[in-house]
Amino acid sequence: MSNIISVKDMCLWYGEHQALTNVNIDIPGNSITAFIGPSGCGKSTFLKTLNRMNDLIPSVKITGDVKYNEVDIFSKDIDVNQLRKEIGMVFQKPNPFPMSIYDNIAYGPRTHGITKKVQLDEIVENALKDASIWDEVKDRLKKNALGLSGGQQQRLCIARALAVQPKVLLMDEPTSALDPISTSRIEELVMELKEKYTIVMVTHNMQQAVRVSDYTAFFLLGELVEFGKTDEVFSEPNDKRTEDYITGRFG
């Protein structure tokens, strides 16, 4: 399985504070990689680096290499909008736009120049189907998306990310604000999506990492301590710190 993202010796600072130190990781395509670790250990910061969301923070400085499909994402020639189209993001709290369900999904394709109604209709339907929410919303596409439940809003946000046809989906604790039933729906959905996409997700829930991910990366104090196949990381961790964390000795 080829790697879609390769990171070498990456360090990141917020002003004087170093948040990530010498991160090295290769993320395989069409797989689910989970980032675990205690709060404040750099998981979300690292996730946001992968599609340059950290560019939006003025004091951030990054060194090292981050390559997507063997291209340096920090190269001067990179079109950041195109990068974020190919590497989409789903946030912790559902954040639908205050507009109709249809317009939420059509928003991205429209910004990339798609205006024909027939084309948009097809994109909206396919994205909602891919996010397992089409049957629940197909009769109310013109209704405001803010009227959906929390779990539906999160699946809508996943559909919105899928509508621009990304290759990679970054998910920052996508179920932490949801009830157990909605969480289970999103987990099932994530496992289906890896047929078409590469998923990289931050989770605070170690059982979730075990249930859904193929690979797990354990972060601690800004360092990537261990990375490997999920069943191996959880059953035979190589590092004592990983073992201490997953057995609940700290964190």
C-alpha atoms as a PDB file:
ATOM      1  CA  MET A   1       0.000   0.000   0.000  1.00  0.00           C
ATOM      2  CA  SER A   2       1.573   3.290  -1.058  1.00  0.00           C
ATOM      3  CA  ASN A   3       1.908   6.260   1.278  1.00  0.00           C
ATOM      4  CA  ILE A   4      -0.194   9.310   0.462  1.00  0.00           C
ATOM      5  CA  ILE A   5       1.387  11.570   3.105  1.00  0.00           C
ATOM      6  CA  SER A   6       5.030  11.454   4.224  1.00  0.00           C
ATOM      7  CA  VAL A   7       6.344  13.612   7.054  1.00  0.00           C
ATOM      8  CA  LYS A   8      10.029  13.918   7.905  1.00  0.00           C
ATOM      9  CA  ASP A   9      11.636  15.676  10.883  1.00  0.00           C
ATOM     10  CA  MET A  10       8.733  18.100  11.238  1.00  0.00           C
ATOM     11  CA  CYS A  11       8.823  20.631  14.072  1.00  0.00           C
ATOM     12  CA  LEU A  12       6.245  23.316  14.813  1.00  0.00           C
ATOM     13  CA  TRP A  13       6.350  26.373  17.075  1.00  0.00           C
ATOM     14  CA  TYR A  14       3.646  28.767  18.243  1.00  0.00           C
ATOM     15  CA  GLY A  15       5.851  31.789  18.804  1.00  0.00           C
ATOM     16  CA  GLU A  16       8.421  30.620  21.375  1.00  0.00           C
ATOM     17  CA  HIS A  17       6.507  27.481  22.336  1.00  0.00           C
ATOM     18  CA  GLN A  18       7.493  24.289  20.507  1.00  0.00           C
ATOM     19  CA  ALA A  19       4.334  22.221  20.011  1.00  0.00           C
ATOM     20  CA  LEU A  20       5.732  19.406  17.821  1.00  0.00           C
ATOM     21  CA  THR A  21       9.223  17.904  17.789  1.00  0.00           C
ATOM     22  CA  ASN A  22      10.767  15.833  14.984  1.00  0.00           C
ATOM     23  CA  VAL A  23       7.616  14.081  13.777  1.00  0.00           C
ATOM     24  CA  ASN A  24       8.282  11.291  11.255  1.00  0.00           C
ATOM     25  CA  ILE A  25       5.350   9.362   9.803  1.00  0.00           C
ATOM     26  CA  ASP A  26       4.185   7.795   6.530  1.00  0.00           C
ATOM     27  CA  ILE A  27       0.414   7.553   6.162  1.00  0.00           C
ATOM     28  CA  PRO A  28      -0.800   4.824   3.764  1.00  0.00           C
ATOM     29  CA  GLY A  29      -3.573   5.585   1.274  1.00  0.00           C
ATOM     30  CA  ASN A  30      -7.114   4.113   1.566  1.00  0.00           C
ATOM     31  CA  SER A  31      -6.700   3.423   5.258  1.00  0.00           C
ATOM     32  CA  ILE A  32      -7.823   4.920   8.559  1.00  0.00           C
ATOM     33  CA  THR A  33      -5.077   6.327  10.762  1.00  0.00           C
ATOM     34  CA  ALA A  34      -5.992   7.381  14.314  1.00  0.00           C
ATOM     35  CA  PHE A  35      -3.995   9.886  16.386  1.00  0.00           C
ATOM     36  CA  ILE A  36      -4.284   9.211  20.123  1.00  0.00           C
ATOM     37  CA  GLY A  37      -2.712  10.811  23.186  1.00  0.00           C
ATOM     38  CA  PRO A  38      -3.594  13.084  26.125  1.00  0.00           C
ATOM     39  CA  SER A  39      -5.040  16.587  25.663  1.00  0.00           C
ATOM     40  CA  GLY A  40      -2.550  19.178  24.494  1.00  0.00           C
ATOM     41  CA  CYS A  41      -0.041  16.661  23.142  1.00  0.00           C
ATOM     42  CA  GLY A  42      -0.032  18.000  19.570  1.00  0.00           C
ATOM     43  CA  LYS A  43      -2.499  15.654  17.795  1.00  0.00           C
ATOM     44  CA  SER A  44      -4.820  18.337  16.423  1.00  0.00           C
ATOM     45  CA  THR A  45      -1.942  20.706  15.712  1.00  0.00           C
ATOM     46  CA  PHE A  46      -0.299  18.020  13.603  1.00  0.00           C
ATOM     47  CA  LEU A  47      -3.581  17.144  11.860  1.00  0.00           C
ATOM     48  CA  LYS A  48      -4.098  20.788  10.867  1.00  0.00           C
ATOM     49  CA  THR A  49      -0.586  20.958   9.453  1.00  0.00           C
ATOM     50  CA  LEU A  50      -1.477  18.348   6.842  1.00  0.00           C
ATOM     51  CA  ASN A  51      -3.687  20.765   4.887  1.00  0.00           C
ATOM     52  CA  ARG A  52      -1.995  23.958   6.082  1.00  0.00           C
ATOM     53  CA  MET A  53      -4.806  25.083   8.379  1.00  0.00           C
ATOM     54  CA  ASN A  54      -2.077  26.330  10.723  1.00  0.00           C
ATOM     55  CA  ASP A  55      -1.227  28.983   8.101  1.00  0.00           C
ATOM     56  CA  LEU A  56      -4.149  30.903   9.578  1.00  0.00           C
ATOM     57  CA  ILE A  57      -2.264  31.366  12.871  1.00  0.00           C
ATOM     58  CA  PRO A  58       0.260  34.238  12.512  1.00  0.00           C
ATOM     59  CA  SER A  59       2.889  33.040  15.027  1.00  0.00           C
ATOM     60  CA  VAL A  60       3.294  29.504  13.623  1.00  0.00           C
ATOM     61  CA  LYS A  61       6.682  28.397  12.324  1.00  0.00           C
ATOM     62  CA  ILE A  62       7.211  24.966  10.746  1.00  0.00           C
ATOM     63  CA  THR A  63      10.404  23.160   9.752  1.00  0.00           C
ATOM     64  CA  GLY A  64      10.945  19.758   8.153  1.00  0.00           C
ATOM     65  CA  ASP A  65       9.177  18.095   5.221  1.00  0.00           C
ATOM     66  CA  VAL A  66       5.486  17.366   4.717  1.00  0.00           C
ATOM     67  CA  LYS A  67       4.767  15.704   1.371  1.00  0.00           C
ATOM     68  CA  TYR A  68       1.384  14.865  -0.117  1.00  0.00           C
ATOM     69  CA  ASN A  69       1.666  12.536  -3.109  1.00  0.00           C
ATOM     70  CA  GLU A  70       5.405  13.249  -3.042  1.00  0.00           C
ATOM     71  CA  VAL A  71       4.905  17.012  -3.427  1.00  0.00           C
ATOM     72  CA  ASP A  72       6.121  19.398  -0.686  1.00  0.00           C
ATOM     73  CA  ILE A  73       2.952  21.071   0.641  1.00  0.00           C
ATOM     74  CA  PHE A  74       4.969  24.126   1.764  1.00  0.00           C
ATOM     75  CA  SER A  75       6.426  24.703  -1.704  1.00  0.00           C
ATOM     76  CA  LYS A  76       5.903  28.215  -3.121  1.00  0.00           C
ATOM     77  CA  ASP A  77       4.218  26.623  -6.146  1.00  0.00           C
ATOM     78  CA  ILE A  78       1.465  24.935  -4.106  1.00  0.00           C
ATOM     79  CA  ASP A  79      -2.063  26.241  -4.563  1.00  0.00           C
ATOM     80  CA  VAL A  80      -3.342  26.095  -0.971  1.00  0.00           C
ATOM     81  CA  ASN A  81      -7.006  26.141  -2.069  1.00  0.00           C
ATOM     82  CA  GLN A  82      -6.382  23.131  -4.276  1.00  0.00           C
ATOM     83  CA  LEU A  83      -4.511  21.395  -1.422  1.00  0.00           C
ATOM     84  CA  ARG A  84      -7.485  21.923   0.906  1.00  0.00           C
ATOM     85  CA  LYS A  85      -9.825  20.654  -1.810  1.00  0.00           C
ATOM     86  CA  GLU A  86      -7.839  17.408  -1.963  1.00  0.00           C
ATOM     87  CA  ILE A  87      -7.262  17.201   1.813  1.00  0.00           C
ATOM     88  CA  GLY A  88     -10.613  18.057   3.417  1.00  0.00           C
ATOM     89  CA  MET A  89     -11.325  18.725   7.091  1.00  0.00           C
ATOM     90  CA  VAL A  90     -14.156  17.795   9.456  1.00  0.00           C
ATOM     91  CA  PHE A  91     -14.079  19.531  12.822  1.00  0.00           C
ATOM     92  CA  GLN A  92     -14.925  18.457  16.342  1.00  0.00           C
ATOM     93  CA  LYS A  93     -18.195  20.365  16.589  1.00  0.00           C
ATOM     94  CA  PRO A  94     -20.572  20.161  13.633  1.00  0.00           C
ATOM     95  CA  ASN A  95     -20.465  23.534  11.879  1.00  0.00           C
ATOM     96  CA  PRO A  96     -23.129  23.654   9.146  1.00  0.00           C
ATOM     97  CA  PHE A  97     -23.472  26.992   7.371  1.00  0.00           C
ATOM     98  CA  PRO A  98     -26.738  28.836   8.254  1.00  0.00           C
ATOM     99  CA  MET A  99     -28.303  27.975   4.887  1.00  0.00           C
ATOM    100  CA  SER A 100     -30.223  25.118   3.316  1.00  0.00           C
ATOM    101  CA  ILE A 101     -28.980  21.520   3.377  1.00  0.00           C
ATOM    102  CA  TYR A 102     -28.588  21.705  -0.414  1.00  0.00           C
ATOM    103  CA  ASP A 103     -26.610  24.957  -0.334  1.00  0.00           C
ATOM    104  CA  ASN A 104     -24.293  23.596   2.369  1.00  0.00           C
ATOM    105  CA  ILE A 105     -23.234  20.764   0.077  1.00  0.00           C
ATOM    106  CA  ALA A 106     -23.190  22.848  -3.121  1.00  0.00           C
ATOM    107  CA  TYR A 107     -21.098  25.593  -1.491  1.00  0.00           C
ATOM    108  CA  GLY A 108     -17.678  24.025  -2.164  1.00  0.00           C
ATOM    109  CA  PRO A 109     -18.364  22.910  -5.761  1.00  0.00           C
ATOM    110  CA  ARG A 110     -19.732  26.412  -6.533  1.00  0.00           C
ATOM    111  CA  THR A 111     -16.579  28.075  -5.192  1.00  0.00           C
ATOM    112  CA  HIS A 112     -14.612  25.797  -7.532  1.00  0.00           C
ATOM    113  CA  GLY A 113     -16.643  27.004 -10.516  1.00  0.00           C
ATOM    114  CA  ILE A 114     -19.458  24.453 -10.878  1.00  0.00           C
ATOM    115  CA  THR A 115     -22.716  26.314 -11.583  1.00  0.00           C
ATOM    116  CA  LYS A 116     -24.953  23.994 -13.635  1.00  0.00           C
ATOM    117  CA  LYS A 117     -27.943  22.838 -11.616  1.00  0.00           C
ATOM    118  CA  VAL A 118     -27.907  19.317 -13.079  1.00  0.00           C
ATOM    119  CA  GLN A 119     -24.268  18.884 -12.079  1.00  0.00           C
ATOM    120  CA  LEU A 120     -24.803  20.360  -8.606  1.00  0.00           C
ATOM    121  CA  ASP A 121     -27.880  18.171  -8.033  1.00  0.00           C
ATOM    122  CA  GLU A 122     -25.807  15.082  -8.790  1.00  0.00           C
ATOM    123  CA  ILE A 123     -22.906  16.193  -6.570  1.00  0.00           C
ATOM    124  CA  VAL A 124     -25.264  16.991  -3.662  1.00  0.00           C
ATOM    125  CA  GLU A 125     -27.042  13.643  -3.932  1.00  0.00           C
ATOM    126  CA  ASN A 126     -23.801  11.629  -4.214  1.00  0.00           C
ATOM    127  CA  ALA A 127     -22.136  13.438  -1.301  1.00  0.00           C
ATOM    128  CA  LEU A 128     -25.170  12.957   0.950  1.00  0.00           C
ATOM    129  CA  LYS A 129     -25.324   9.282  -0.045  1.00  0.00           C
ATOM    130  CA  ASP A 130     -21.605   8.827   0.641  1.00  0.00           C
ATOM    131  CA  ALA A 131     -22.156  10.379   4.078  1.00  0.00           C
ATOM    132  CA  SER A 132     -25.118   8.047   4.793  1.00  0.00           C
ATOM    133  CA  ILE A 133     -27.622  10.852   5.286  1.00  0.00           C
ATOM    134  CA  TRP A 134     -29.411  11.099   1.912  1.00  0.00           C
ATOM    135  CA  ASP A 135     -32.468   9.067   2.949  1.00  0.00           C
ATOM    136  CA  GLU A 136     -32.971  11.265   6.021  1.00  0.00           C
ATOM    137  CA  VAL A 137     -32.790  14.616   4.218  1.00  0.00           C
ATOM    138  CA  LYS A 138     -33.743  14.049   0.546  1.00  0.00           C
ATOM    139  CA  ASP A 139     -37.252  15.461   1.103  1.00  0.00           C
ATOM    140  CA  ARG A 140     -36.057  18.602   2.903  1.00  0.00           C
ATOM    141  CA  LEU A 141     -33.027  19.778   0.963  1.00  0.00           C
ATOM    142  CA  LYS A 142     -34.336  23.362   0.962  1.00  0.00           C
ATOM    143  CA  LYS A 143     -34.717  23.422   4.775  1.00  0.00           C
ATOM    144  CA  ASN A 144     -32.113  25.098   6.973  1.00  0.00           C
ATOM    145  CA  ALA A 145     -29.293  22.727   7.933  1.00  0.00           C
ATOM    146  CA  LEU A 146     -29.307  24.103  11.486  1.00  0.00           C
ATOM    147  CA  GLY A 147     -32.596  22.236  12.047  1.00  0.00           C
ATOM    148  CA  LEU A 148     -30.830  18.859  11.882  1.00  0.00           C
ATOM    149  CA  SER A 149     -29.796  16.902  14.992  1.00  0.00           C
ATOM    150  CA  GLY A 150     -26.157  16.991  16.118  1.00  0.00           C
ATOM    151  CA  GLY A 151     -25.343  13.628  14.570  1.00  0.00           C
ATOM    152  CA  GLN A 152     -27.052  14.579  11.313  1.00  0.00           C
ATOM    153  CA  GLN A 153     -25.205  17.907  11.261  1.00  0.00           C
ATOM    154  CA  GLN A 154     -21.879  16.094  11.572  1.00  0.00           C
ATOM    155  CA  ARG A 155     -22.748  13.743   8.706  1.00  0.00           C
ATOM    156  CA  LEU A 156     -23.821  16.801   6.705  1.00  0.00           C
ATOM    157  CA  CYS A 157     -20.400  18.351   7.379  1.00  0.00           C
ATOM    158  CA  ILE A 158     -18.759  15.131   6.173  1.00  0.00           C
ATOM    159  CA  ALA A 159     -20.934  15.282   3.032  1.00  0.00           C
ATOM    160  CA  ARG A 160     -19.908  18.928   2.551  1.00  0.00           C
ATOM    161  CA  ALA A 161     -16.243  17.923   2.728  1.00  0.00           C
ATOM    162  CA  LEU A 162     -16.847  15.041   0.269  1.00  0.00           C
ATOM    163  CA  ALA A 163     -18.667  17.260  -2.246  1.00  0.00           C
ATOM    164  CA  VAL A 164     -15.394  18.700  -3.598  1.00  0.00           C
ATOM    165  CA  GLN A 165     -14.067  15.150  -4.134  1.00  0.00           C
ATOM    166  CA  PRO A 166     -11.082  15.112  -1.763  1.00  0.00           C
ATOM    167  CA  LYS A 167      -8.539  12.315  -1.656  1.00  0.00           C
ATOM    168  CA  VAL A 168      -7.901  12.644   2.101  1.00  0.00           C
ATOM    169  CA  LEU A 169     -10.325  13.459   4.920  1.00  0.00           C
ATOM    170  CA  LEU A 170      -8.905  14.873   8.159  1.00  0.00           C
ATOM    171  CA  MET A 171     -11.253  14.462  11.132  1.00  0.00           C
ATOM    172  CA  ASP A 172     -10.598  16.244  14.423  1.00  0.00           C
ATOM    173  CA  GLU A 173     -12.468  14.236  17.079  1.00  0.00           C
ATOM    174  CA  PRO A 174     -15.532  13.981  14.819  1.00  0.00           C
ATOM    175  CA  THR A 175     -17.710  12.221  17.419  1.00  0.00           C
ATOM    176  CA  SER A 176     -16.698  13.915  20.687  1.00  0.00           C
ATOM    177  CA  ALA A 177     -19.798  16.163  20.703  1.00  0.00           C
ATOM    178  CA  LEU A 178     -22.192  13.334  19.798  1.00  0.00           C
ATOM    179  CA  ASP A 179     -24.333  10.779  21.629  1.00  0.00           C
ATOM    180  CA  PRO A 180     -23.436   7.044  21.456  1.00  0.00           C
ATOM    181  CA  ILE A 181     -25.901   6.227  18.653  1.00  0.00           C
ATOM    182  CA  SER A 182     -24.672   9.089  16.443  1.00  0.00           C
ATOM    183  CA  THR A 183     -21.083   8.113  17.273  1.00  0.00           C
ATOM    184  CA  SER A 184     -21.744   4.578  16.110  1.00  0.00           C
ATOM    185  CA  ARG A 185     -23.269   5.853  12.824  1.00  0.00           C
ATOM    186  CA  ILE A 186     -20.205   8.035  12.136  1.00  0.00           C
ATOM    187  CA  GLU A 187     -17.822   5.158  12.956  1.00  0.00           C
ATOM    188  CA  GLU A 188     -19.638   2.872  10.503  1.00  0.00           C
ATOM    189  CA  LEU A 189     -19.537   5.640   7.925  1.00  0.00           C
ATOM    190  CA  VAL A 190     -15.790   6.227   8.386  1.00  0.00           C
ATOM    191  CA  MET A 191     -15.096   2.526   7.811  1.00  0.00           C
ATOM    192  CA  GLU A 192     -17.113   2.632   4.574  1.00  0.00           C
ATOM    193  CA  LEU A 193     -15.374   5.793   3.370  1.00  0.00           C
ATOM    194  CA  LYS A 194     -11.890   4.281   3.375  1.00  0.00           C
ATOM    195  CA  GLU A 195     -12.838   2.404   0.196  1.00  0.00           C
ATOM    196  CA  LYS A 196     -12.679   5.756  -1.600  1.00  0.00           C
ATOM    197  CA  TYR A 197     -10.692   8.046   0.703  1.00  0.00           C
ATOM    198  CA  THR A 198      -7.786   8.126   3.118  1.00  0.00           C
ATOM    199  CA  ILE A 199      -8.985   9.034   6.629  1.00  0.00           C
ATOM    200  CA  VAL A 200      -6.807  10.582   9.313  1.00  0.00           C
ATOM    201  CA  MET A 201      -8.613  11.156  12.594  1.00  0.00           C
ATOM    202  CA  VAL A 202      -7.822  12.508  16.031  1.00  0.00           C
ATOM    203  CA  THR A 203      -9.701  10.676  18.764  1.00  0.00           C
ATOM    204  CA  HIS A 204      -9.724  10.846  22.562  1.00  0.00           C
ATOM    205  CA  ASN A 205     -11.534   7.548  22.635  1.00  0.00           C
ATOM    206  CA  MET A 206      -9.072   4.668  22.538  1.00  0.00           C
ATOM    207  CA  GLN A 207     -11.854   2.122  22.025  1.00  0.00           C
ATOM    208  CA  GLN A 208     -12.823   4.093  18.936  1.00  0.00           C
ATOM    209  CA  ALA A 209      -9.245   3.882  17.618  1.00  0.00           C
ATOM    210  CA  VAL A 210      -9.337   0.105  18.137  1.00  0.00           C
ATOM    211  CA  ARG A 211     -12.766  -0.214  16.481  1.00  0.00           C
ATOM    212  CA  VAL A 212     -12.184   1.813  13.333  1.00  0.00           C
ATOM    213  CA  SER A 213      -8.517   2.436  12.566  1.00  0.00           C
ATOM    214  CA  ASP A 214      -5.968   0.408  10.618  1.00  0.00           C
ATOM    215  CA  TYR A 215      -3.019   2.383  12.014  1.00  0.00           C
ATOM    216  CA  THR A 216      -2.508   4.279  15.262  1.00  0.00           C
ATOM    217  CA  ALA A 217      -0.082   7.077  16.117  1.00  0.00           C
ATOM    218  CA  PHE A 218       0.497   7.883  19.794  1.00  0.00           C
ATOM    219  CA  PHE A 219       1.506  11.470  20.586  1.00  0.00           C
ATOM    220  CA  LEU A 220       2.889  12.684  23.902  1.00  0.00           C
ATOM    221  CA  LEU A 221       4.169  16.175  24.722  1.00  0.00           C
ATOM    222  CA  GLY A 222       4.547  17.106  21.070  1.00  0.00           C
ATOM    223  CA  GLU A 223       6.425  13.959  20.161  1.00  0.00           C
ATOM    224  CA  LEU A 224       5.228  11.056  18.015  1.00  0.00           C
ATOM    225  CA  VAL A 225       6.116   8.236  20.385  1.00  0.00           C
ATOM    226  CA  GLU A 226       4.872   5.281  18.369  1.00  0.00           C
ATOM    227  CA  PHE A 227       3.186   4.519  15.073  1.00  0.00           C
ATOM    228  CA  GLY A 228       2.106   1.168  13.673  1.00  0.00           C
ATOM    229  CA  LYS A 229      -0.775  -1.161  12.870  1.00  0.00           C
ATOM    230  CA  THR A 230      -3.525  -0.561  15.417  1.00  0.00           C
ATOM    231  CA  ASP A 231      -3.769  -4.144  16.666  1.00  0.00           C
ATOM    232  CA  GLU A 232       0.008  -4.242  17.242  1.00  0.00           C
ATOM    233  CA  VAL A 233       0.179  -0.846  18.955  1.00  0.00           C
ATOM    234  CA  PHE A 234      -2.575  -1.881  21.377  1.00  0.00           C
ATOM    235  CA  SER A 235      -1.513  -5.483  21.958  1.00  0.00           C
ATOM    236  CA  GLU A 236       2.285  -5.180  21.858  1.00  0.00           C
ATOM    237  CA  PRO A 237       3.387  -1.547  22.103  1.00  0.00           C
ATOM    238  CA  ASN A 238       7.108  -0.962  21.562  1.00  0.00           C
ATOM    239  CA  ASP A 239       7.365   1.961  23.973  1.00  0.00           C
ATOM    240  CA  LYS A 240       6.662   1.866  27.713  1.00  0.00           C
ATOM    241  CA  ARG A 241       4.946   5.287  27.457  1.00  0.00           C
ATOM    242  CA  THR A 242       2.460   3.894  24.922  1.00  0.00           C
ATOM    243  CA  GLU A 243       1.714   0.963  27.189  1.00  0.00           C
ATOM    244  CA  ASP A 244       1.232   3.249  30.192  1.00  0.00           C
ATOM    245  CA  TYR A 245      -1.203   5.424  28.252  1.00  0.00           C
ATOM    246  CA  ILE A 246      -3.328   2.681  26.736  1.00  0.00           C
ATOM    247  CA  THR A 247      -3.563   0.800  30.039  1.00  0.00           C
ATOM    248  CA  GLY A 248      -4.766   3.968  31.762  1.00  0.00           C
ATOM    249  CA  ARG A 249      -1.734   4.671  33.964  1.00  0.00           C
ATOM    250  CA  PHE A 250      -1.887   8.311  32.858  1.00  0.00           C
ATOM    251  CA  GLY A 251      -3.800  10.630  30.496  1.00  0.00           C
END
